[in-house]
Amino acid sequence: MTSLAPSQILQLFQGEGSVNQRLAALHDRVLQTMPAISRIACALYEQPNDLLKTFINSTREGQAISGYEARLNDCGDLKVLAKNASCRVIDDIPLQVQPGHQHSDWLLSQPYRSSFTVPMYDNGGFLGFIFFDSAQPGYFDARVQRDLLLYCNLINMALSAELSAVRAVLVSAQVAREFVDLRDFETGAHLERMAQYARLIAKAVAAEYQLTDETIEHIYLFAPLHDIGKIGIPDQILLKQGPLTAAERAVMQTHVEKGEQLMHKVIGDFGLHHLPDSQVMHNIVACHHEFLDGSGYPRGLRGNEVPIEARIVTVADIFDALTSLRPYKKPWSVEAALQELRRMAGVGQLDAVCVEALAGQVAAAQWIVQHYVDVITPAEAAAST
C-alpha cells in the first residue's frame, strides 16, 4: 500500500510545474512501492472528432510515444473499455498484442511485458485513459491494481479539475464574443479552423521546437482566444467593411492590449496564475501580431522574442484570413495562400519552419477549409463579388 494519504497524493499532483512534470513526480512516488512500473501515460479524448490523443507521460524505461492520435471508434478494445467503464490487464504483451497497427507496433517494440489500462471520466463523460506499463510479465496482479486505482482516481480528479478550469476560460470568452456579436471576425467556424490549423502546425514542428503533447494540446485549446480583445473595439471600427484610416487602425491594434488585460483578469478569477498553460494562453493573445523582423505590434518583438506558440497562431491566423470569404474579398486558394505565407517568411516576417509545416500538409489544410465553412448571407456573398 501507499504510505501517503489520498489528500497528500492529490496535493503532489496539483503542485507547480507542467502536468507532465507533476506526473513524473507522482511516478517517483509510485516507484517507491511499485518499482517495476516503467511508464505512466495519459491520453485525452476529443469527442467532436472522436480522437484519442497522447497527452502526458512519465517514461523510465523504453521510448515514449508522442504526437499520436487515433479515432476511438477504430480502437476496438479501448472503445469497449470506455463504454463499459472497465479496466484491462495484459499479462504478456508479446503474446497477446497483435502487430499491424501503429500503436501496437510501437508497444511491441518497447521492453514492456505487461500493462494496465484505466479509463477516466469527467461529469459522466469519457475523458481518456491512464496507461501503466511494466517490463515484468504478469506484474499487474490484484494487489497492484488495487493500489494503482487510488492513484488513478486522483489523477482523474486533478486532470478533470484542470481541464474544467480551462473550459471555463474558453466558455467565458465565447460568451463575451456572443454578447458583443463579433460576426465578421469570430464566427464559430473561424475559431474551429484556427484551432485545427494551429494543431496541424504544432504537431509538425514539435521535434524542431521540442513541443510536448501537453503544449500542443494547449496551443490547440487557446488558439481561438487570439483576438478576444476585439470585444473592446467599437463596432464602427470593428465592423467597417472599407479600409481603416490611420487613426482607426491604431484603435484596432489596441485589441491586443485589451485582450491581455482580459486574460489577466480571467486567469486571476480562475486561479490559473501558477499553471504553465496560462503563459501559453497569454503569449498567444499578446504576441499573435508580432513579426520576426520586428515590424509587428504592439511591442515590435524580434526573432526568438516571439514565443513559438504565437508564431504558430500567427501563421494559422493569416492562412485562415486569406482562405476565408469576407464581405470585402473572395477567398484565396490554398496554394495562393501558402505562396503568400512563403513570401512573408522569405522577407523575415513569419517563421519559415511553421509555414513549411503547413505547406507540407496541403490535403489536411484543404479538408479544414472545406469542412469548417462560415455561414455567409446572400448580401455578404454579393458584396465580395
Protein backbone atom coordinates (compact mmCIF):
# COMPACT_ATOMS: atom_id res chain seq x y z
CA MET A 1 0.00 0.00 0.00
CA THR A 2 1.00 3.63 -0.44
CA SER A 3 2.28 5.43 2.62
CA LEU A 4 0.65 8.75 1.63
CA ALA A 5 -2.95 9.70 2.33
CA PRO A 6 -5.11 10.41 -0.76
CA SER A 7 -5.12 14.14 0.04
CA GLN A 8 -1.31 14.14 0.08
CA ILE A 9 -1.11 12.35 -3.27
CA LEU A 10 -3.60 14.79 -4.80
CA GLN A 11 -1.55 17.70 -3.47
CA LEU A 12 1.56 16.17 -5.07
CA PHE A 13 -0.12 16.01 -8.47
CA GLN A 14 -1.59 19.51 -8.13
CA GLY A 15 1.77 21.15 -7.40
CA GLU A 16 3.59 23.64 -9.59
CA GLY A 17 5.08 22.88 -12.98
CA SER A 18 3.55 21.39 -16.11
CA VAL A 19 1.18 18.47 -15.85
CA ASN A 20 3.91 16.35 -17.41
CA GLN A 21 6.33 17.36 -14.64
CA ARG A 22 3.74 16.66 -11.99
CA LEU A 23 3.06 13.23 -13.44
CA ALA A 24 6.81 12.50 -13.26
CA ALA A 25 6.81 13.49 -9.57
CA LEU A 26 3.85 11.21 -8.96
CA HIS A 27 5.68 8.41 -10.80
CA ASP A 28 8.59 8.85 -8.40
CA ARG A 29 6.17 8.23 -5.55
CA VAL A 30 4.67 5.16 -7.23
CA LEU A 31 8.12 3.66 -7.77
CA GLN A 32 8.76 3.64 -4.02
CA THR A 33 6.17 0.91 -3.52
CA MET A 34 5.82 -0.48 -7.07
CA PRO A 35 9.35 -0.29 -8.54
CA ALA A 36 8.52 -2.22 -11.72
CA ILE A 37 6.21 0.47 -13.18
CA SER A 38 8.21 1.54 -16.22
CA ARG A 39 5.74 4.01 -17.67
CA ILE A 40 2.65 6.05 -16.76
CA ALA A 41 0.84 7.89 -19.53
CA CYS A 42 -2.46 9.69 -20.05
CA ALA A 43 -4.33 10.07 -23.33
CA LEU A 44 -7.21 12.55 -23.78
CA TYR A 45 -10.37 12.06 -25.77
CA GLU A 46 -11.66 14.77 -28.12
CA GLN A 47 -15.33 13.91 -28.51
CA PRO A 48 -16.32 16.09 -31.52
CA ASN A 49 -13.71 14.40 -33.74
CA ASP A 50 -13.70 11.02 -31.92
CA LEU A 51 -9.94 11.41 -31.39
CA LEU A 52 -7.85 9.74 -28.70
CA LYS A 53 -4.63 11.79 -28.35
CA THR A 54 -1.39 11.30 -26.44
CA PHE A 55 -1.18 13.98 -23.74
CA ILE A 56 1.34 13.40 -20.91
CA ASN A 57 3.71 10.60 -19.93
CA SER A 58 6.43 9.65 -17.49
CA THR A 59 8.67 7.05 -19.12
CA ARG A 60 11.55 5.49 -17.14
CA GLU A 61 12.20 2.55 -19.46
CA GLY A 62 11.54 2.43 -23.19
CA GLN A 63 10.79 5.26 -25.60
CA ALA A 64 7.71 7.43 -25.16
CA ILE A 65 5.14 7.67 -27.94
CA SER A 66 4.15 11.24 -28.75
CA GLY A 67 2.17 13.13 -31.35
CA TYR A 68 -0.08 10.11 -31.81
CA GLU A 69 -3.82 10.21 -32.31
CA ALA A 70 -6.41 7.70 -33.45
CA ARG A 71 -10.16 7.53 -33.70
CA LEU A 72 -11.57 5.75 -30.68
CA ASN A 73 -14.05 4.01 -32.97
CA ASP A 74 -11.08 2.28 -34.62
CA CYS A 75 -9.54 1.18 -31.30
CA GLY A 76 -11.60 -1.96 -30.65
CA ASP A 77 -10.69 -2.93 -27.08
CA LEU A 78 -10.25 0.65 -25.89
CA LYS A 79 -13.66 1.59 -27.26
CA VAL A 80 -15.20 -1.20 -25.18
CA LEU A 81 -13.31 -0.10 -22.06
CA ALA A 82 -14.55 3.48 -22.48
CA LYS A 83 -18.14 2.36 -23.00
CA ASN A 84 -18.21 -0.11 -20.10
CA ALA A 85 -16.00 1.87 -17.67
CA SER A 86 -13.86 -1.24 -17.25
CA CYS A 87 -10.12 -1.78 -16.81
CA ARG A 88 -7.83 -4.01 -18.86
CA VAL A 89 -4.82 -6.06 -17.86
CA ILE A 90 -2.41 -7.58 -20.40
CA ASP A 91 -0.10 -10.08 -18.69
CA ASP A 92 2.16 -10.86 -21.66
CA ILE A 93 2.26 -8.15 -24.31
CA PRO A 94 4.33 -10.06 -26.92
CA LEU A 95 1.85 -12.94 -26.83
CA GLN A 96 -1.40 -11.02 -26.52
CA VAL A 97 -0.89 -7.91 -28.69
CA GLN A 98 -1.21 -8.29 -32.47
CA PRO A 99 1.03 -6.21 -34.80
CA GLY A 100 -0.21 -4.24 -37.80
CA HIS A 101 -1.39 -1.04 -36.07
CA GLN A 102 0.81 1.97 -35.33
CA HIS A 103 0.24 1.89 -31.59
CA SER A 104 0.51 -1.91 -31.39
CA ASP A 105 3.74 -1.88 -33.38
CA TRP A 106 5.17 0.78 -31.04
CA LEU A 107 4.14 -1.20 -27.95
CA LEU A 108 5.71 -4.39 -29.29
CA SER A 109 8.97 -2.54 -29.98
CA GLN A 110 9.26 -1.50 -26.31
CA PRO A 111 10.66 -3.57 -23.42
CA TYR A 112 7.22 -3.75 -21.75
CA ARG A 113 5.76 -7.17 -20.97
CA SER A 114 2.56 -6.27 -19.13
CA SER A 115 0.16 -3.35 -18.93
CA PHE A 116 -2.81 -1.96 -17.02
CA THR A 117 -5.28 0.46 -18.67
CA VAL A 118 -7.85 2.52 -16.77
CA PRO A 119 -10.48 4.85 -18.33
CA MET A 120 -11.07 8.37 -16.96
CA TYR A 121 -14.36 10.26 -16.79
CA ASP A 122 -15.41 13.85 -16.18
CA ASN A 123 -19.01 14.64 -15.18
CA GLY A 124 -20.17 11.38 -16.71
CA GLY A 125 -18.37 11.93 -20.00
CA PHE A 126 -15.39 9.90 -21.17
CA LEU A 127 -12.16 11.88 -20.62
CA GLY A 128 -9.41 9.50 -21.71
CA PHE A 129 -7.17 6.69 -20.44
CA ILE A 130 -4.36 6.15 -17.95
CA PHE A 131 -1.79 3.55 -19.08
CA PHE A 132 0.69 1.73 -16.85
CA ASP A 133 3.42 -0.49 -18.32
CA SER A 134 5.98 -2.81 -16.77
CA ALA A 135 8.96 -4.78 -18.08
CA GLN A 136 7.85 -7.69 -15.89
CA PRO A 137 5.26 -10.12 -17.26
CA GLY A 138 2.14 -10.56 -15.16
CA TYR A 139 3.08 -7.65 -12.90
CA PHE A 140 -0.40 -6.17 -12.50
CA ASP A 141 -1.94 -8.61 -10.04
CA ALA A 142 -4.96 -7.80 -7.87
CA ARG A 143 -2.88 -6.05 -5.19
CA VAL A 144 -1.02 -3.81 -7.67
CA GLN A 145 -4.28 -2.98 -9.45
CA ARG A 146 -5.90 -2.01 -6.15
CA ASP A 147 -3.03 0.31 -5.20
CA LEU A 148 -2.84 1.87 -8.66
CA LEU A 149 -6.57 2.59 -8.75
CA LEU A 150 -6.08 5.02 -5.87
CA TYR A 151 -3.54 6.94 -7.94
CA CYS A 152 -5.82 6.70 -10.99
CA ASN A 153 -8.74 8.26 -9.15
CA LEU A 154 -6.58 11.15 -8.01
CA ILE A 155 -5.00 11.70 -11.44
CA ASN A 156 -8.51 11.67 -12.90
CA MET A 157 -9.69 14.23 -10.33
CA ALA A 158 -6.71 16.52 -10.90
CA LEU A 159 -6.95 16.42 -14.71
CA SER A 160 -10.71 16.97 -14.58
CA ALA A 161 -10.28 19.99 -12.33
CA GLU A 162 -7.56 21.50 -14.52
CA LEU A 163 -9.40 20.90 -17.79
CA SER A 164 -12.61 22.24 -16.25
CA ALA A 165 -10.80 25.49 -15.40
CA VAL A 166 -9.52 25.73 -18.97
CA ARG A 167 -13.02 25.08 -20.35
CA ALA A 168 -14.43 27.73 -18.03
CA VAL A 169 -11.99 30.26 -19.50
CA LEU A 170 -12.95 29.26 -23.05
CA VAL A 171 -16.68 29.38 -22.29
CA SER A 172 -16.30 32.81 -20.67
CA ALA A 173 -14.52 34.04 -23.79
CA GLN A 174 -17.23 32.57 -26.03
CA VAL A 175 -19.99 34.23 -24.01
CA ALA A 176 -18.16 37.55 -24.30
CA ARG A 177 -17.90 37.15 -28.08
CA GLU A 178 -21.58 36.32 -28.44
CA PHE A 179 -22.53 39.22 -26.19
CA VAL A 180 -20.90 41.75 -28.49
CA ASP A 181 -21.76 39.80 -31.65
CA LEU A 182 -18.35 39.63 -33.38
CA ARG A 183 -19.74 38.13 -36.58
CA ASP A 184 -17.10 39.27 -39.03
CA PHE A 185 -14.05 38.04 -37.14
CA GLU A 186 -15.14 35.44 -34.63
CA THR A 187 -17.54 33.00 -36.28
CA GLY A 188 -17.60 29.55 -34.76
CA ALA A 189 -16.16 28.09 -37.96
CA HIS A 190 -13.26 30.57 -37.89
CA LEU A 191 -12.42 29.64 -34.30
CA GLU A 192 -12.51 25.92 -35.08
CA ARG A 193 -10.35 26.39 -38.17
CA MET A 194 -7.85 28.39 -36.13
CA ALA A 195 -7.60 25.59 -33.57
CA GLN A 196 -7.23 22.93 -36.27
CA TYR A 197 -4.56 24.80 -38.26
CA ALA A 198 -2.64 25.59 -35.09
CA ARG A 199 -2.60 21.95 -34.02
CA LEU A 200 -1.63 20.84 -37.52
CA ILE A 201 1.38 23.16 -37.46
CA ALA A 202 2.31 22.47 -33.82
CA LYS A 203 2.42 18.70 -34.36
CA ALA A 204 4.59 19.09 -37.44
CA VAL A 205 7.15 21.37 -35.71
CA ALA A 206 7.12 19.51 -32.38
CA ALA A 207 10.50 17.88 -32.93
CA GLU A 208 12.12 21.10 -34.20
CA TYR A 209 10.90 23.20 -31.26
CA GLN A 210 10.70 20.43 -28.64
CA LEU A 211 6.96 20.80 -28.06
CA THR A 212 5.35 18.22 -25.78
CA ASP A 213 1.91 16.77 -26.43
CA GLU A 214 0.74 18.82 -23.45
CA THR A 215 1.93 22.06 -25.08
CA ILE A 216 0.37 21.09 -28.41
CA GLU A 217 -2.95 20.48 -26.69
CA HIS A 218 -2.81 23.89 -25.01
CA ILE A 219 -1.99 25.63 -28.30
CA TYR A 220 -5.00 23.87 -29.84
CA LEU A 221 -7.24 24.91 -26.94
CA PHE A 222 -6.09 28.52 -26.70
CA ALA A 223 -5.62 29.47 -30.38
CA PRO A 224 -9.27 30.63 -30.64
CA LEU A 225 -8.62 33.23 -27.91
CA HIS A 226 -6.12 35.17 -30.01
CA ASP A 227 -8.44 38.06 -30.91
CA ILE A 228 -10.52 38.12 -27.72
CA GLY A 229 -9.53 41.77 -27.16
CA LYS A 230 -11.69 42.79 -30.13
CA ILE A 231 -14.68 42.73 -27.82
CA GLY A 232 -13.41 46.13 -26.66
CA ILE A 233 -13.21 47.69 -30.14
CA PRO A 234 -16.11 49.99 -31.18
CA ASP A 235 -18.47 48.48 -33.77
CA GLN A 236 -17.97 51.34 -36.23
CA ILE A 237 -14.32 50.30 -36.48
CA LEU A 238 -14.56 46.56 -35.93
CA LEU A 239 -17.38 46.06 -38.43
CA LYS A 240 -16.27 48.61 -41.01
CA GLN A 241 -16.16 47.00 -44.45
CA GLY A 242 -13.90 49.51 -46.14
CA PRO A 243 -10.24 50.31 -45.41
CA LEU A 244 -9.45 51.71 -41.97
CA THR A 245 -7.96 55.18 -41.57
CA ALA A 246 -4.65 55.50 -39.73
CA ALA A 247 -6.49 56.59 -36.59
CA GLU A 248 -8.95 53.70 -36.85
CA ARG A 249 -6.12 51.25 -37.40
CA ALA A 250 -4.41 52.49 -34.24
CA VAL A 251 -7.62 51.86 -32.29
CA MET A 252 -7.99 48.40 -33.85
CA GLN A 253 -4.46 47.50 -32.81
CA THR A 254 -5.32 48.16 -29.17
CA HIS A 255 -7.28 44.88 -29.21
CA VAL A 256 -4.03 43.12 -28.26
CA GLU A 257 -3.61 45.17 -25.08
CA LYS A 258 -7.32 44.79 -24.30
CA GLY A 259 -7.00 41.04 -24.80
CA GLU A 260 -4.05 40.88 -22.41
CA GLN A 261 -6.00 42.78 -19.77
CA LEU A 262 -8.97 40.46 -20.18
CA MET A 263 -6.81 37.33 -19.96
CA HIS A 264 -5.07 38.60 -16.82
CA LYS A 265 -8.45 39.08 -15.20
CA VAL A 266 -9.80 35.70 -16.32
CA ILE A 267 -6.62 33.87 -15.26
CA GLY A 268 -6.82 35.57 -11.89
CA ASP A 269 -10.52 34.83 -11.47
CA PHE A 270 -9.95 31.13 -12.12
CA GLY A 271 -6.73 30.93 -10.09
CA LEU A 272 -4.59 29.77 -13.02
CA HIS A 273 -1.53 32.01 -12.47
CA HIS A 274 0.58 29.10 -11.24
CA LEU A 275 -0.09 26.93 -14.29
CA PRO A 276 2.36 26.94 -17.21
CA ASP A 277 -0.54 26.70 -19.65
CA SER A 278 -1.66 30.17 -18.55
CA GLN A 279 1.59 31.51 -20.05
CA VAL A 280 0.80 29.81 -23.36
CA MET A 281 -2.61 31.48 -23.30
CA HIS A 282 -1.08 34.88 -22.55
CA ASN A 283 1.60 34.55 -25.25
CA ILE A 284 -0.98 33.70 -27.92
CA VAL A 285 -3.13 36.71 -27.06
CA ALA A 286 -0.21 39.13 -26.56
CA CYS A 287 2.07 38.17 -29.46
CA HIS A 288 -0.03 36.90 -32.38
CA HIS A 289 0.52 40.14 -34.34
CA GLU A 290 4.28 40.24 -33.79
CA PHE A 291 6.54 39.56 -36.79
CA LEU A 292 10.02 38.10 -36.52
CA ASP A 293 11.60 41.10 -38.26
CA GLY A 294 10.26 43.50 -35.61
CA SER A 295 7.61 45.05 -37.89
CA GLY A 296 4.67 43.67 -35.92
CA TYR A 297 2.79 45.12 -32.97
CA PRO A 298 2.33 46.06 -30.17
CA ARG A 299 5.91 45.54 -28.93
CA GLY A 300 7.90 45.12 -32.13
CA LEU A 301 9.42 41.85 -30.90
CA ARG A 302 12.13 40.20 -32.99
CA GLY A 303 13.22 36.62 -33.66
CA ASN A 304 13.18 34.39 -30.61
CA GLU A 305 11.49 37.12 -28.59
CA VAL A 306 8.28 35.92 -30.24
CA PRO A 307 7.16 32.73 -28.43
CA ILE A 308 6.73 29.67 -30.64
CA GLU A 309 3.03 29.33 -29.75
CA ALA A 310 2.45 32.87 -31.06
CA ARG A 311 4.41 32.14 -34.25
CA ILE A 312 2.22 29.10 -34.87
CA VAL A 313 -1.00 31.00 -34.29
CA THR A 314 0.16 33.91 -36.49
CA VAL A 315 0.68 31.58 -39.45
CA ALA A 316 -2.66 29.87 -38.78
CA ASP A 317 -4.47 33.22 -38.48
CA ILE A 318 -3.07 34.70 -41.70
CA PHE A 319 -3.73 31.49 -43.62
CA ASP A 320 -7.33 31.46 -42.43
CA ALA A 321 -7.84 35.13 -43.25
CA LEU A 322 -6.54 34.57 -46.79
CA THR A 323 -8.56 31.41 -47.50
CA SER A 324 -11.85 32.69 -46.00
CA LEU A 325 -14.64 34.57 -47.74
CA ARG A 326 -15.10 38.09 -46.42
CA PRO A 327 -17.63 40.78 -47.40
CA TYR A 328 -14.74 42.70 -48.98
CA LYS A 329 -12.89 39.84 -50.73
CA LYS A 330 -13.11 36.42 -52.31
CA PRO A 331 -11.29 33.51 -50.61
CA TRP A 332 -7.81 32.74 -51.86
CA SER A 333 -6.95 29.22 -52.91
CA VAL A 334 -4.87 27.14 -50.51
CA GLU A 335 -1.97 27.25 -52.98
CA ALA A 336 -2.11 31.04 -53.33
CA ALA A 337 -2.34 31.49 -49.56
CA LEU A 338 0.69 29.27 -49.00
CA GLN A 339 2.61 31.23 -51.63
CA GLU A 340 1.87 34.43 -49.71
CA LEU A 341 2.94 32.84 -46.41
CA ARG A 342 6.20 31.77 -48.03
CA ARG A 343 6.74 35.31 -49.30
CA MET A 344 6.23 36.67 -45.78
CA ALA A 345 8.61 34.06 -44.38
CA GLY A 346 11.13 34.97 -47.06
CA VAL A 347 11.21 38.62 -46.00
CA GLY A 348 11.61 37.61 -42.37
CA GLN A 349 8.12 38.22 -41.01
CA LEU A 350 6.90 34.66 -40.39
CA ASP A 351 8.55 31.54 -39.01
CA ALA A 352 9.60 29.59 -42.11
CA VAL A 353 9.52 26.26 -40.25
CA CYS A 354 5.87 26.85 -39.30
CA VAL A 355 4.98 27.92 -42.84
CA GLU A 356 6.60 24.83 -44.36
CA ALA A 357 4.90 22.65 -41.74
CA LEU A 358 1.55 23.87 -43.03
CA ALA A 359 2.63 23.67 -46.67
CA GLY A 360 3.62 20.05 -46.13
CA GLN A 361 0.04 19.17 -45.18
CA VAL A 362 -1.94 20.64 -48.05
CA ALA A 363 -4.55 17.87 -48.07
CA ALA A 364 -5.26 18.29 -44.35
CA ALA A 365 -5.42 22.08 -44.68
CA GLN A 366 -7.77 21.80 -47.66
CA TRP A 367 -10.02 19.47 -45.66
CA ILE A 368 -10.24 22.02 -42.82
CA VAL A 369 -11.08 24.81 -45.30
CA GLN A 370 -13.89 22.75 -46.81
CA HIS A 371 -15.19 21.13 -43.61
CA TYR A 372 -15.50 24.21 -41.35
CA VAL A 373 -17.30 26.68 -43.59
CA ASP A 374 -18.59 30.08 -42.49
CA VAL A 375 -22.28 30.81 -42.97
CA ILE A 376 -22.34 33.84 -45.27
CA THR A 377 -25.51 35.78 -46.00
CA PRO A 378 -26.50 36.44 -49.64
CA ALA A 379 -25.76 40.14 -49.13
CA GLU A 380 -22.26 39.38 -47.84
CA ALA A 381 -21.63 36.98 -50.72
CA ALA A 382 -22.78 39.58 -53.25
CA ALA A 383 -20.54 42.21 -51.66
CA SER A 384 -17.48 40.03 -52.20
CA THR A 385 -18.06 39.52 -55.93
